[in-house]
Amino acid sequence: MKITKKNGRVVVYDDEKVVKSILKANIDAMTEELSRKKAQILADEVFQRLTAEKNIISTEDVRAYTAAILREKGYPKTAKCYEEFKR
């Protein structure tokens, strides 16, 4: 899967970046425990939804889907921290 970055560059999707971002946001949230394994599961769901629902994927799409999935799965504070540092 390819992603269009804000500057217009097209790069290959890297789920490891999503996993690391989720884990960093979770550390900032401080009150919700989230393992690396669970972060990988969430990142996999982001990938699955993006590929099922979008033809052209942007970094903003990844950010929005990641935050939405974090909220859906019971990590609202992590989602909020994720949105704040991904701007």
Protein backbone atom coordinates (compact mmCIF):
# COMPACT_ATOMS: atom_id res chain seq x y z
CA MET A 1 0.00 0.00 0.00
CA LYS A 2 1.22 3.50 -0.83
CA ILE A 3 0.62 6.68 1.12
CA THR A 4 0.69 10.26 -0.07
CA LYS A 5 2.55 12.45 2.41
CA LYS A 6 1.68 16.09 3.11
CA ASN A 7 4.45 17.27 0.79
CA GLY A 8 3.07 15.13 -2.06
CA ARG A 9 5.70 12.38 -1.87
CA VAL A 10 4.42 8.84 -2.20
CA VAL A 11 5.91 6.27 0.18
CA VAL A 12 5.25 2.66 1.12
CA TYR A 13 3.00 2.19 4.15
CA ASP A 14 5.00 1.10 7.19
CA ASP A 15 2.87 -0.34 9.98
CA GLU A 16 5.85 -0.19 12.35
CA LYS A 17 5.56 3.60 12.30
CA VAL A 18 1.92 3.31 13.37
CA VAL A 19 2.82 0.85 16.14
CA LYS A 20 5.57 3.13 17.47
CA SER A 21 3.29 6.17 17.35
CA ILE A 22 0.56 4.34 19.23
CA LEU A 23 3.02 3.22 21.90
CA LYS A 24 4.47 6.74 22.29
CA ALA A 25 0.99 8.19 22.66
CA ASN A 26 0.14 5.50 25.20
CA ILE A 27 3.19 6.43 27.28
CA ASP A 28 2.03 10.06 27.23
CA ALA A 29 -1.50 9.02 28.27
CA MET A 30 -0.01 7.31 31.36
CA THR A 31 -3.28 5.76 32.52
CA GLU A 32 -4.06 3.16 29.85
CA GLU A 33 -1.95 0.02 29.57
CA LEU A 34 -1.21 -1.02 26.02
CA SER A 35 1.24 -3.78 25.10
CA ARG A 36 3.32 -3.86 21.93
CA LYS A 37 1.28 -6.87 20.80
CA LYS A 38 -1.98 -4.95 21.25
CA ALA A 39 -0.51 -1.92 19.46
CA GLN A 40 0.38 -4.21 16.54
CA ILE A 41 -3.18 -5.57 16.47
CA LEU A 42 -4.53 -2.01 16.39
CA ALA A 43 -2.09 -1.05 13.61
CA ASP A 44 -3.20 -4.12 11.63
CA GLU A 45 -6.80 -2.96 11.96
CA VAL A 46 -5.84 0.51 10.73
CA PHE A 47 -4.24 -1.11 7.67
CA GLN A 48 -7.25 -3.34 7.02
CA ARG A 49 -9.75 -0.49 7.23
CA LEU A 50 -7.67 1.84 5.10
CA THR A 51 -7.27 -0.71 2.33
CA ALA A 52 -10.96 -1.66 2.46
CA GLU A 53 -12.32 1.89 2.42
CA LYS A 54 -9.84 4.09 0.56
CA ASN A 55 -8.24 4.07 -2.87
CA ILE A 56 -5.87 6.98 -2.26
CA ILE A 57 -4.46 7.08 1.24
CA SER A 58 -2.90 10.12 2.88
CA THR A 59 -1.02 10.56 6.13
CA GLU A 60 -4.11 12.40 7.40
CA ASP A 61 -6.19 9.29 6.69
CA VAL A 62 -3.78 7.15 8.70
CA ARG A 63 -3.91 9.62 11.58
CA ALA A 64 -7.73 9.81 11.55
CA TYR A 65 -8.25 6.05 11.31
CA THR A 66 -5.68 5.36 14.03
CA ALA A 67 -7.29 7.81 16.46
CA ALA A 68 -10.77 6.46 15.68
CA ILE A 69 -9.71 2.85 16.25
CA LEU A 70 -7.97 3.74 19.51
CA ARG A 71 -11.22 5.30 20.73
CA GLU A 72 -13.35 2.38 19.52
CA LYS A 73 -11.12 -0.12 21.33
CA GLY A 74 -11.23 1.72 24.65
CA TYR A 75 -8.13 3.92 24.56
CA PRO A 76 -9.56 7.46 24.45
CA LYS A 77 -6.68 9.10 26.34
CA THR A 78 -4.13 7.45 24.07
CA ALA A 79 -6.14 8.64 21.05
CA LYS A 80 -6.11 12.20 22.37
CA CYS A 81 -2.33 12.11 22.94
CA TYR A 82 -1.84 10.56 19.49
CA GLU A 83 -3.78 13.36 17.84
CA GLU A 84 -1.90 16.03 19.76
CA PHE A 85 1.60 14.95 18.82
CA LYS A 86 0.82 13.96 15.24
CA ARG A 87 -0.12 17.50 14.18
